[in-house]
């Protein structure tokens, strides 16, 4: 027996050491630690696998120690790549919407429709010296100056016809200056180029007269056409159009002067015509309807609603996230361990259960109160700034009411998104919607000089909000103001009704779950 103890003692002692070593390293397997005990006769043959297992364990220990120093391998999982794709898509949409809507508007000016109307009655040579009459007749080929200008503008092969889309109403009956301006006022066209009845005769004022003698500064009459446009409709778009129209008229004037100076009668014309005529023979006078007198107020027509929309996001998120939801539990559960206790609570408390619809309406009411305060602050800033402009057709009270009305439509939309996508999940889509509405609402540039995709803005309330405020501020397109009110009202009612139905069902479902959970606990 002692010999047996001596023979086993080293084995037991060695196994204890292996176990201790295993605890220190935390990687050796149980099989390798007991191999010397059970495989005493094959110690040489098992030594190699033991070394291999030791190498594998060391490698595992090395890899398992990496995360202690490097967090990155833990973060670069499948979800991280999905988030990368999602955020990249958002960035791409943002940059495309912004730059795509504003990129190269000059290439689309051809889509702008401008009325051209020639009312020129021709030359009256009754006060012109007889020796000059054949000269003017040969130069004009017995045409009125208005017909000459009209022909150059409408010439399909000429450069002027390619500037914008001209709508020629010269040969149509029933039109006059006032009725044509009404077309511009109603938003049917972007502008009117009007050639007046005395256009040709004004040219003769630069030549000597049989009654007054040589032309003087007092007798000169401007040879000008009239360009009429509604500036308040879209300041940015009209700035581009106006540049093209002015460029067209400068080109027309220089072409006409060149024709006169290269004609055989150029020396006679230089001697008889007043020198001022050669500085610019044909002028263009601008008649601005609904003028934007304050430059910053043009930006206010859409910046106001951007800020109001952001405030609406904050209001909806705060109400749904942070205001107490315990009102849903009031009157839903009864407490007590026996029937007597329950009856006592019922008879003593008599706490009514709030209807789910009333709870939803209460939250909407709080949000509208938030929007009211936001509207006061937003409306107040343009009112106190120097040089505030308001159309004579509206007043500041209507401006305030309209801005708040738009704010209620934003509240309605955002409550719908919060119930559809949850409180934590609606913010990113709501921001994306803001960018889409802004870029497609004709706030900066009109659809006429934008890619066709951006006409999607015709369905969004942002478009009608901007149009309405421009109407209130500048008086632009007043005949369509009722459409702005109506569309925004639809965006208040339709999403609001859907939201109330959804929220009512959600509250009822939560109350059923509360009752079920409470009955199980009791």
Protein backbone atom coordinates (compact mmCIF):
# COMPACT_ATOMS: atom_id res chain seq x y z
CA UNK A 1 0.00 0.00 0.00
CA UNK A 2 2.68 2.54 0.77
CA UNK A 3 4.25 1.71 -2.57
CA UNK A 4 0.94 2.29 -4.24
CA UNK A 5 0.63 5.62 -2.45
CA UNK A 6 4.07 6.61 -3.59
CA UNK A 7 3.25 5.63 -7.17
CA UNK A 8 0.04 7.53 -7.27
CA UNK A 9 1.19 10.53 -5.38
CA UNK A 10 3.19 12.04 -8.20
CA UNK A 11 0.27 11.56 -10.62
CA UNK A 12 -2.13 13.30 -8.30
CA UNK A 13 0.32 16.05 -7.65
CA UNK A 14 0.94 16.52 -11.35
CA UNK A 15 -2.77 16.69 -12.13
CA UNK A 16 -3.19 19.34 -9.49
CA UNK A 17 -0.50 21.40 -11.14
CA UNK A 18 -2.18 21.04 -14.52
CA UNK A 19 -5.48 22.18 -13.10
CA UNK A 20 -3.82 25.17 -11.51
CA UNK A 21 -2.13 25.97 -14.80
CA UNK A 22 -5.45 25.67 -16.57
CA UNK A 23 -7.03 28.15 -14.18
CA UNK A 24 -4.18 30.60 -14.72
CA UNK A 25 -4.28 30.41 -18.51
CA UNK A 26 -8.01 29.83 -18.91
CA UNK A 27 -7.53 27.94 -22.18
CA UNK A 28 -6.42 24.27 -21.64
CA UNK A 29 -9.04 21.59 -22.16
CA UNK A 30 -9.95 18.97 -19.57
CA UNK A 31 -8.84 16.15 -21.86
CA UNK A 32 -5.32 17.48 -22.25
CA UNK A 33 -4.97 18.08 -18.52
CA UNK A 34 -5.82 14.47 -17.62
CA UNK A 35 -3.96 12.77 -20.48
CA UNK A 36 -0.83 11.90 -18.40
CA UNK A 37 -2.97 10.04 -15.88
CA UNK A 38 -4.96 7.80 -18.22
CA UNK A 39 -2.39 7.43 -21.01
CA UNK A 40 0.73 6.62 -19.01
CA UNK A 41 1.93 4.04 -21.53
CA UNK A 42 1.54 6.33 -24.52
CA UNK A 43 3.09 9.44 -23.09
CA UNK A 44 5.33 9.95 -26.12
CA UNK A 45 2.51 9.57 -28.58
CA UNK A 46 0.22 12.01 -26.77
CA UNK A 47 2.83 14.66 -26.25
CA UNK A 48 2.50 16.00 -29.82
CA UNK A 49 -1.27 16.52 -29.73
CA UNK A 50 -0.82 18.17 -26.37
CA UNK A 51 1.61 20.68 -27.86
CA UNK A 52 -0.71 21.31 -30.82
CA UNK A 53 -3.62 21.92 -28.50
CA UNK A 54 -1.46 24.26 -26.53
CA UNK A 55 -0.64 26.27 -29.68
CA UNK A 56 -4.32 26.45 -30.62
CA UNK A 57 -5.23 27.58 -27.14
CA UNK A 58 -2.54 30.25 -27.26
CA UNK A 59 -3.90 31.51 -30.56
CA UNK A 60 -7.43 31.60 -29.13
CA UNK A 61 -6.15 33.50 -26.12
CA UNK A 62 -4.48 36.00 -28.47
CA UNK A 63 -7.63 36.57 -30.50
CA UNK A 64 -9.82 36.76 -27.43
CA UNK A 65 -7.57 39.45 -26.03
CA UNK A 66 -7.92 41.71 -29.12
CA UNK A 67 -11.36 43.10 -28.24
CA UNK A 68 -9.93 44.26 -24.94
CA UNK A 69 -7.85 46.78 -26.88
CA UNK A 70 -9.78 47.23 -30.17
CA UNK A 71 -13.47 48.11 -30.12
CA UNK A 72 -13.75 48.38 -33.91
CA UNK A 73 -14.21 44.64 -34.65
CA UNK A 74 -17.24 44.63 -32.35
CA UNK A 75 -18.79 47.63 -34.11
CA UNK A 76 -18.27 46.60 -37.74
CA UNK A 77 -21.16 44.19 -37.77
CA UNK A 78 -23.98 43.77 -40.26
CA UNK A 79 -26.04 46.48 -38.59
CA UNK A 80 -23.18 48.97 -39.03
CA UNK A 81 -23.05 48.36 -42.76
CA UNK A 82 -26.81 48.73 -43.01
CA UNK A 83 -26.60 52.04 -41.16
CA UNK A 84 -23.83 53.16 -43.52
CA UNK A 85 -26.03 52.43 -46.52
CA UNK A 86 -29.02 54.18 -44.94
CA UNK A 87 -27.11 57.33 -43.96
CA UNK A 88 -25.40 57.47 -47.36
CA UNK A 89 -28.79 57.27 -49.05
CA UNK A 90 -30.05 60.15 -46.91
CA UNK A 91 -27.01 62.28 -47.77
CA UNK A 92 -27.43 61.49 -51.46
CA UNK A 93 -31.10 62.45 -51.38
CA UNK A 94 -30.34 65.69 -49.51
CA UNK A 95 -27.63 66.84 -51.91
CA UNK A 96 -29.60 65.81 -54.98
CA UNK A 97 -32.75 67.59 -53.87
CA UNK A 98 -30.93 70.80 -53.05
CA UNK A 99 -28.52 71.01 -55.97
CA UNK A 100 -30.79 69.26 -58.45
CA UNK A 101 -33.54 71.81 -57.91
CA UNK A 102 -31.21 74.78 -58.40
CA UNK A 103 -28.83 73.42 -61.02
CA UNK A 104 -28.71 75.26 -64.37
CA UNK A 105 -32.06 77.09 -64.35
CA UNK A 106 -30.88 79.17 -67.32
CA UNK A 107 -31.11 76.09 -69.53
CA UNK A 108 -34.88 75.95 -68.89
CA UNK A 109 -35.79 79.59 -69.46
CA UNK A 110 -37.19 78.46 -72.81
CA UNK A 111 -40.12 77.01 -70.83
CA UNK A 112 -41.15 80.50 -69.65
CA UNK A 113 -44.17 81.85 -71.52
CA UNK A 114 -44.22 85.57 -72.36
CA UNK A 115 -47.02 87.28 -74.32
CA UNK A 116 -45.94 89.44 -77.25
CA UNK A 117 -48.46 92.02 -78.44
CA UNK A 118 -47.82 94.55 -81.19
CA UNK A 119 -50.28 97.48 -81.06
CA UNK A 120 -48.19 99.81 -83.23
CA UNK A 121 -50.34 101.82 -85.69
CA UNK A 122 -47.43 102.74 -87.99
CA UNK A 123 -45.73 105.95 -89.11
CA UNK A 124 -47.48 109.29 -89.41
CA UNK A 125 -45.40 111.40 -91.81
CA UNK A 126 -47.59 114.52 -91.57
CA UNK A 127 -44.89 116.39 -89.58
CA UNK A 128 -41.91 114.86 -91.36
CA UNK A 129 -40.00 116.88 -94.00
CA UNK A 130 -40.92 115.59 -97.50
CA UNK A 131 -37.31 114.82 -98.40
CA UNK A 132 -37.01 112.43 -95.44
CA UNK A 133 -40.20 110.44 -96.07
CA UNK A 134 -38.77 108.30 -98.92
CA UNK A 135 -35.71 107.70 -96.79
CA UNK A 136 -37.73 106.22 -93.88
CA UNK A 137 -39.95 104.31 -96.28
CA UNK A 138 -36.98 102.66 -97.92
CA UNK A 139 -35.38 101.80 -94.59
CA UNK A 140 -38.55 100.33 -93.12
CA UNK A 141 -39.83 98.89 -96.41
CA UNK A 142 -43.17 100.56 -95.70
CA UNK A 143 -43.60 98.60 -92.50
CA UNK A 144 -44.28 99.92 -89.04
CA UNK A 145 -41.42 99.79 -86.60
CA UNK A 146 -43.54 97.52 -84.42
CA UNK A 147 -43.86 94.98 -87.26
CA UNK A 148 -40.10 95.07 -87.79
CA UNK A 149 -39.44 94.35 -84.11
CA UNK A 150 -42.21 91.75 -84.01
CA UNK A 151 -40.73 89.96 -87.01
CA UNK A 152 -37.25 89.85 -85.50
CA UNK A 153 -38.55 88.44 -82.22
CA UNK A 154 -40.74 85.77 -83.83
CA UNK A 155 -38.25 84.75 -86.51
CA UNK A 156 -37.79 80.99 -85.90
CA UNK A 157 -34.19 81.15 -87.07
CA UNK A 158 -33.35 84.20 -84.98
CA UNK A 159 -31.74 84.22 -81.58
CA UNK A 160 -34.54 86.23 -79.97
CA UNK A 161 -37.15 83.55 -80.56
CA UNK A 162 -35.03 81.05 -78.62
CA UNK A 163 -34.83 83.11 -75.45
CA UNK A 164 -38.28 82.31 -74.05
CA UNK A 165 -41.55 80.85 -75.32
CA UNK A 166 -43.30 83.77 -76.96
CA UNK A 167 -47.10 83.73 -77.18
CA UNK A 168 -48.03 85.99 -80.09
CA UNK A 169 -51.43 87.58 -79.60
CA UNK A 170 -50.89 90.46 -82.04
CA UNK A 171 -53.26 89.06 -84.64
CA UNK A 172 -55.95 88.08 -82.15
CA UNK A 173 -58.88 90.41 -81.67
CA UNK A 174 -60.41 91.49 -78.39
CA UNK A 175 -57.14 92.14 -76.58
CA UNK A 176 -55.91 95.37 -75.11
CA UNK A 177 -53.22 96.29 -72.60
CA UNK A 178 -55.48 95.89 -69.56
CA UNK A 179 -56.79 92.46 -70.54
CA UNK A 180 -53.27 91.25 -71.32
CA UNK A 181 -51.99 92.48 -67.95
CA UNK A 182 -54.84 90.54 -66.35
CA UNK A 183 -53.30 87.39 -67.87
CA UNK A 184 -50.08 88.16 -66.03
CA UNK A 185 -51.90 89.02 -62.82
CA UNK A 186 -53.79 85.72 -62.84
CA UNK A 187 -50.61 83.71 -63.35
CA UNK A 188 -51.53 82.51 -66.86
CA UNK A 189 -48.17 83.74 -68.22
CA UNK A 190 -44.98 85.07 -66.70
CA UNK A 191 -44.88 88.40 -68.49
CA UNK A 192 -46.07 90.67 -71.29
CA UNK A 193 -43.97 92.47 -73.88
CA UNK A 194 -46.21 95.24 -75.17
CA UNK A 195 -45.40 97.39 -78.22
CA UNK A 196 -47.49 100.58 -77.89
CA UNK A 197 -49.51 102.26 -80.61
CA UNK A 198 -47.14 105.27 -80.91
CA UNK A 199 -44.02 103.13 -81.23
CA UNK A 200 -43.24 104.15 -84.84
CA UNK A 201 -44.11 107.80 -84.39
CA UNK A 202 -41.79 108.08 -81.43
CA UNK A 203 -38.95 107.17 -83.78
CA UNK A 204 -39.83 110.16 -85.97
CA UNK A 205 -39.40 112.48 -82.98
CA UNK A 206 -35.61 112.07 -83.39
CA UNK A 207 -35.84 113.48 -86.94
CA UNK A 208 -36.50 117.15 -87.92
CA UNK A 209 -40.13 118.25 -87.92
CA UNK A 210 -41.86 120.65 -90.29
CA UNK A 211 -43.48 122.43 -87.36
CA UNK A 212 -40.77 122.49 -84.70
CA UNK A 213 -37.61 122.24 -86.76
CA UNK A 214 -34.64 120.06 -85.73
CA UNK A 215 -35.23 117.60 -82.91
CA UNK A 216 -34.36 118.82 -79.44
CA UNK A 217 -34.26 117.20 -76.01
CA UNK A 218 -37.70 118.69 -75.29
CA UNK A 219 -39.31 117.15 -78.37
CA UNK A 220 -37.78 113.68 -78.11
CA UNK A 221 -40.03 110.77 -77.25
CA UNK A 222 -38.70 107.45 -76.02
CA UNK A 223 -38.94 104.60 -78.50
CA UNK A 224 -39.75 102.01 -75.86
CA UNK A 225 -41.61 98.78 -75.39
CA UNK A 226 -43.18 97.80 -72.09
CA UNK A 227 -42.34 94.63 -70.20
CA UNK A 228 -44.93 93.78 -67.51
CA UNK A 229 -44.30 91.06 -64.91
CA UNK A 230 -45.44 89.98 -61.44
CA UNK A 231 -42.32 90.16 -59.31
CA UNK A 232 -43.94 88.88 -56.15
CA UNK A 233 -44.92 85.60 -57.79
CA UNK A 234 -41.34 84.33 -57.60
CA UNK A 235 -38.55 86.83 -57.13
CA UNK A 236 -35.72 84.42 -57.97
CA UNK A 237 -37.32 83.16 -61.17
CA UNK A 238 -38.18 86.65 -62.38
CA UNK A 239 -34.61 87.77 -61.79
CA UNK A 240 -33.49 85.16 -64.31
CA UNK A 241 -36.29 85.91 -66.79
CA UNK A 242 -35.74 89.66 -66.57
CA UNK A 243 -32.07 89.16 -67.38
CA UNK A 244 -32.95 87.22 -70.52
CA UNK A 245 -35.59 89.71 -71.66
CA UNK A 246 -33.20 92.64 -71.18
CA UNK A 247 -30.53 90.74 -73.09
CA UNK A 248 -33.00 90.12 -75.91
CA UNK A 249 -34.00 93.77 -76.17
CA UNK A 250 -30.39 94.96 -76.12
CA UNK A 251 -29.64 92.56 -78.94
CA UNK A 252 -32.67 93.80 -80.87
CA UNK A 253 -31.69 97.45 -80.44
CA UNK A 254 -28.11 96.86 -81.54
CA UNK A 255 -29.28 94.88 -84.56
CA UNK A 256 -31.60 97.71 -85.61
CA UNK A 257 -28.87 100.34 -85.19
CA UNK A 258 -26.47 98.21 -87.22
CA UNK A 259 -29.00 97.95 -90.04
CA UNK A 260 -29.40 101.73 -90.13
CA UNK A 261 -25.67 102.43 -90.04
CA UNK A 262 -24.94 99.95 -92.81
CA UNK A 263 -27.74 101.20 -95.09
CA UNK A 264 -26.98 103.42 -98.12
CA UNK A 265 -28.60 106.35 -96.31
CA UNK A 266 -26.36 106.10 -93.27
CA UNK A 267 -24.72 109.51 -93.81
CA UNK A 268 -28.09 111.23 -94.15
CA UNK A 269 -29.34 109.52 -91.00
CA UNK A 270 -26.26 110.53 -89.04
CA UNK A 271 -26.80 114.14 -90.03
CA UNK A 272 -30.56 114.33 -89.46
CA UNK A 273 -31.25 112.08 -86.47
CA UNK A 274 -30.64 113.44 -82.96
CA UNK A 275 -27.37 112.04 -81.49
CA UNK A 276 -29.15 110.52 -78.48
CA UNK A 277 -30.87 108.13 -80.86
CA UNK A 278 -27.60 106.30 -81.49
CA UNK A 279 -26.95 105.54 -77.83
CA UNK A 280 -29.87 103.13 -77.76
CA UNK A 281 -32.51 103.34 -80.41
CA UNK A 282 -35.09 101.05 -78.79
CA UNK A 283 -35.68 100.98 -75.05
CA UNK A 284 -37.59 98.67 -72.75
CA UNK A 285 -39.60 100.01 -69.82
CA UNK A 286 -40.41 97.65 -66.95
CA UNK A 287 -43.79 97.68 -65.23
CA UNK A 288 -43.49 95.67 -62.02
CA UNK A 289 -46.64 94.23 -60.52
CA UNK A 290 -46.63 93.12 -56.86
CA UNK A 291 -43.13 94.49 -56.32
CA UNK A 292 -40.81 93.00 -53.70
CA UNK A 293 -39.66 96.16 -51.97
CA UNK A 294 -37.78 94.44 -49.15
CA UNK A 295 -35.22 91.94 -50.39
CA UNK A 296 -35.23 89.81 -47.25
CA UNK A 297 -38.99 89.42 -47.27
CA UNK A 298 -38.74 87.27 -50.37
CA UNK A 299 -36.77 84.77 -48.28
CA UNK A 300 -39.18 85.18 -45.40
CA UNK A 301 -41.96 83.64 -47.51
CA UNK A 302 -40.34 80.20 -47.17
CA UNK A 303 -37.95 80.59 -44.22
CA UNK A 304 -41.00 81.29 -42.02
CA UNK A 305 -42.44 77.88 -42.82
CA UNK A 306 -39.13 76.04 -42.47
CA UNK A 307 -38.83 77.35 -38.92
CA UNK A 308 -42.50 76.64 -38.23
CA UNK A 309 -42.13 73.05 -39.45
CA UNK A 310 -39.09 72.49 -37.22
CA UNK A 311 -41.06 73.88 -34.29
CA UNK A 312 -43.90 71.50 -35.14
CA UNK A 313 -41.50 68.53 -35.06
CA UNK A 314 -40.30 69.61 -31.62
CA UNK A 315 -43.87 70.07 -30.41
CA UNK A 316 -45.11 66.67 -31.59
CA UNK A 317 -42.03 64.86 -30.29
CA UNK A 318 -42.20 66.57 -26.90
CA UNK A 319 -45.90 65.88 -26.45
CA UNK A 320 -45.65 62.22 -27.44
CA UNK A 321 -42.37 61.55 -25.65
CA UNK A 322 -42.27 63.62 -22.51
CA UNK A 323 -45.77 64.65 -21.52
CA UNK A 324 -47.26 62.10 -19.07
CA UNK A 325 -49.25 59.26 -20.60
CA UNK A 326 -50.87 58.28 -17.29
CA UNK A 327 -54.16 59.77 -18.45
CA UNK A 328 -54.65 56.57 -20.44
CA UNK A 329 -54.74 54.59 -17.18
CA UNK A 330 -57.23 56.80 -15.35
CA UNK A 331 -60.37 54.81 -14.62
CA UNK A 332 -59.12 51.76 -16.50
CA UNK A 333 -58.04 49.57 -13.56
CA UNK A 334 -59.74 48.89 -10.17
CA UNK A 335 -57.66 47.88 -7.20
CA UNK A 336 -58.35 45.81 -4.07
CA UNK A 337 -57.87 42.24 -2.91
CA UNK A 338 -61.56 41.45 -2.44
CA UNK A 339 -64.94 42.41 -3.79
CA UNK A 340 -65.64 44.69 -0.82
CA UNK A 341 -62.47 46.64 -1.46
CA UNK A 342 -63.25 46.94 -5.13
CA UNK A 343 -66.78 48.13 -4.45
CA UNK A 344 -65.49 50.62 -1.90
CA UNK A 345 -63.12 52.13 -4.44
CA UNK A 346 -65.83 52.25 -7.06
CA UNK A 347 -68.25 54.02 -4.78
CA UNK A 348 -65.75 56.36 -3.15
CA UNK A 349 -63.58 57.39 -6.08
CA UNK A 350 -65.97 57.28 -9.01
CA UNK A 351 -63.09 58.18 -11.36
CA UNK A 352 -64.39 58.21 -14.94
CA UNK A 353 -62.42 56.66 -17.77
CA UNK A 354 -61.40 59.25 -20.36
CA UNK A 355 -62.54 58.27 -23.86
CA UNK A 356 -59.64 57.46 -26.15
CA UNK A 357 -60.80 59.98 -28.74
CA UNK A 358 -60.84 62.73 -26.16
CA UNK A 359 -57.27 61.93 -25.17
CA UNK A 360 -56.16 62.14 -28.81
CA UNK A 361 -57.94 65.45 -29.30
CA UNK A 362 -56.40 66.81 -26.11
CA UNK A 363 -52.90 66.04 -27.39
CA UNK A 364 -53.68 67.72 -30.71
CA UNK A 365 -54.98 70.74 -28.82
CA UNK A 366 -51.77 71.03 -26.81
CA UNK A 367 -49.75 70.78 -30.02
CA UNK A 368 -51.81 73.54 -31.60
CA UNK A 369 -51.19 75.72 -28.56
CA UNK A 370 -47.47 75.10 -29.03
CA UNK A 371 -47.87 76.07 -32.68
CA UNK A 372 -49.75 79.22 -31.67
CA UNK A 373 -46.85 80.42 -29.53
CA UNK A 374 -44.38 79.52 -32.28
CA UNK A 375 -46.47 81.44 -34.80
CA UNK A 376 -46.50 84.55 -32.62
CA UNK A 377 -42.72 84.53 -32.44
CA UNK A 378 -42.25 83.79 -36.14
CA UNK A 379 -44.81 86.34 -37.27
CA UNK A 380 -43.43 89.00 -34.97
CA UNK A 381 -39.91 89.14 -36.43
CA UNK A 382 -40.80 90.42 -39.94
CA UNK A 383 -43.25 92.86 -38.38
CA UNK A 384 -40.62 94.60 -36.27
CA UNK A 385 -37.83 94.60 -38.87
CA UNK A 386 -37.20 97.87 -40.69
CA UNK A 387 -39.09 98.35 -43.93
CA UNK A 388 -41.64 95.59 -43.46
CA UNK A 389 -43.89 95.28 -46.49
CA UNK A 390 -47.55 94.25 -46.53
CA UNK A 391 -49.84 94.19 -49.54
CA UNK A 392 -52.62 96.77 -49.57
CA UNK A 393 -55.10 93.94 -50.08
CA UNK A 394 -54.30 92.18 -46.77
CA UNK A 395 -53.25 93.06 -43.24
CA UNK A 396 -50.98 91.68 -40.52
CA UNK A 397 -53.84 89.83 -38.83
CA UNK A 398 -54.52 87.76 -41.95
CA UNK A 399 -50.80 87.01 -42.20
CA UNK A 400 -50.79 85.73 -38.61
CA UNK A 401 -53.92 83.61 -39.14
CA UNK A 402 -52.54 82.10 -42.33
CA UNK A 403 -49.17 81.19 -40.78
CA UNK A 404 -50.91 79.50 -37.82
CA UNK A 405 -53.26 77.72 -40.22
CA UNK A 406 -50.25 76.29 -42.03
CA UNK A 407 -48.71 75.33 -38.68
CA UNK A 408 -51.81 73.26 -37.86
CA UNK A 409 -51.38 71.36 -41.12
CA UNK A 410 -47.77 70.60 -40.13
CA UNK A 411 -48.98 69.36 -36.73
CA UNK A 412 -51.52 67.12 -38.42
CA UNK A 413 -48.93 65.62 -40.78
CA UNK A 414 -46.34 65.04 -38.04
CA UNK A 415 -48.80 63.41 -35.65
CA UNK A 416 -49.72 61.04 -38.46
CA UNK A 417 -46.05 60.18 -39.05
CA UNK A 418 -45.42 59.70 -35.32
CA UNK A 419 -48.23 57.15 -35.06
CA UNK A 420 -47.24 55.47 -38.28
CA UNK A 421 -43.49 55.26 -37.58
CA UNK A 422 -43.41 55.56 -33.74
CA UNK A 423 -42.27 58.58 -31.77
CA UNK A 424 -38.57 57.73 -32.04
CA UNK A 425 -38.72 56.75 -35.69
CA UNK A 426 -40.64 59.59 -37.34
CA UNK A 427 -38.06 62.36 -36.98
CA UNK A 428 -35.72 61.36 -39.82
CA UNK A 429 -38.56 60.82 -42.35
CA UNK A 430 -40.14 64.09 -41.18
CA UNK A 431 -36.89 65.94 -41.88
CA UNK A 432 -36.62 64.29 -45.28
CA UNK A 433 -40.16 65.42 -46.02
CA UNK A 434 -39.20 68.99 -45.11
CA UNK A 435 -36.33 68.98 -47.60
CA UNK A 436 -38.55 67.53 -50.32
CA UNK A 437 -41.32 70.05 -49.69
CA UNK A 438 -38.92 73.00 -49.61
CA UNK A 439 -37.11 72.15 -52.84
CA UNK A 440 -40.31 71.28 -54.73
CA UNK A 441 -42.49 74.14 -53.51
CA UNK A 442 -41.24 76.88 -55.88
CA UNK A 443 -39.89 78.66 -52.84
CA UNK A 444 -36.50 79.48 -54.36
CA UNK A 445 -37.16 78.92 -58.05
CA UNK A 446 -40.35 78.10 -59.89
CA UNK A 447 -41.02 74.72 -61.49
CA UNK A 448 -40.78 76.36 -64.92
CA UNK A 449 -36.96 76.52 -64.59
CA UNK A 450 -36.56 73.29 -62.58
CA UNK A 451 -36.42 69.61 -63.59
CA UNK A 452 -39.82 68.02 -64.05
CA UNK A 453 -39.53 65.81 -60.94
CA UNK A 454 -39.94 68.80 -58.65
CA UNK A 455 -43.50 69.37 -59.81
CA UNK A 456 -44.36 66.78 -57.17
CA UNK A 457 -44.57 69.78 -54.87
CA UNK A 458 -48.06 70.48 -56.21
CA UNK A 459 -49.46 68.01 -53.65
CA UNK A 460 -47.65 69.37 -50.58
CA UNK A 461 -48.94 72.12 -48.26
CA UNK A 462 -45.58 73.90 -48.40
CA UNK A 463 -46.25 75.04 -51.96
CA UNK A 464 -49.57 76.65 -51.08
CA UNK A 465 -48.18 78.11 -47.87
CA UNK A 466 -45.51 80.00 -49.82
CA UNK A 467 -47.98 81.11 -52.48
CA UNK A 468 -50.37 82.32 -49.81
CA UNK A 469 -47.78 84.34 -47.92
CA UNK A 470 -46.53 85.90 -51.15
CA UNK A 471 -50.09 86.87 -51.91
CA UNK A 472 -50.45 88.45 -48.46
CA UNK A 473 -47.08 90.20 -48.53
CA UNK A 474 -46.92 91.30 -52.17
CA UNK A 475 -50.47 90.89 -53.53
CA UNK A 476 -49.40 88.31 -56.10
CA UNK A 477 -52.03 86.02 -57.70
CA UNK A 478 -54.84 87.07 -55.37
CA UNK A 479 -57.44 85.24 -57.45
CA UNK A 480 -55.91 81.91 -56.34
CA UNK A 481 -55.71 82.65 -52.62
CA UNK A 482 -58.80 80.54 -51.90
CA UNK A 483 -57.00 77.51 -53.35
CA UNK A 484 -54.20 77.97 -50.80
CA UNK A 485 -56.67 78.00 -47.89
CA UNK A 486 -58.53 74.97 -49.25
CA UNK A 487 -55.50 72.75 -49.87
CA UNK A 488 -54.00 73.51 -46.46
CA UNK A 489 -57.37 72.76 -44.84
CA UNK A 490 -57.32 69.36 -46.55
CA UNK A 491 -53.89 68.68 -45.05
CA UNK A 492 -55.27 69.51 -41.62
CA UNK A 493 -58.40 67.37 -41.86
CA UNK A 494 -57.33 64.24 -43.76
CA UNK A 495 -54.13 63.28 -41.84
CA UNK A 496 -55.81 64.45 -38.63
CA UNK A 497 -58.78 62.11 -39.06
CA UNK A 498 -56.54 59.16 -39.93
CA UNK A 499 -54.33 59.91 -36.93
CA UNK A 500 -57.30 60.03 -34.56
CA UNK A 501 -58.52 56.65 -35.78
CA UNK A 502 -55.04 55.13 -35.40
CA UNK A 503 -54.38 56.72 -32.00
CA UNK A 504 -57.80 55.71 -30.69
CA UNK A 505 -57.14 52.09 -31.61
CA UNK A 506 -53.67 52.21 -30.05
CA UNK A 507 -54.98 53.60 -26.77
CA UNK A 508 -57.73 51.00 -26.61
CA UNK A 509 -55.23 48.23 -27.28
CA UNK A 510 -52.90 49.47 -24.54
CA UNK A 511 -55.82 49.62 -22.11
CA UNK A 512 -56.78 46.05 -22.92
CA UNK A 513 -53.21 44.95 -22.28
CA UNK A 514 -53.24 46.83 -18.95
CA UNK A 515 -56.43 45.06 -17.88
CA UNK A 516 -55.09 41.69 -18.97
CA UNK A 517 -51.81 42.20 -17.13
CA UNK A 518 -53.61 43.41 -14.02
CA UNK A 519 -56.01 40.45 -13.99
CA UNK A 520 -53.10 38.02 -14.22
CA UNK A 521 -51.31 39.72 -11.32
CA UNK A 522 -54.45 39.67 -9.17
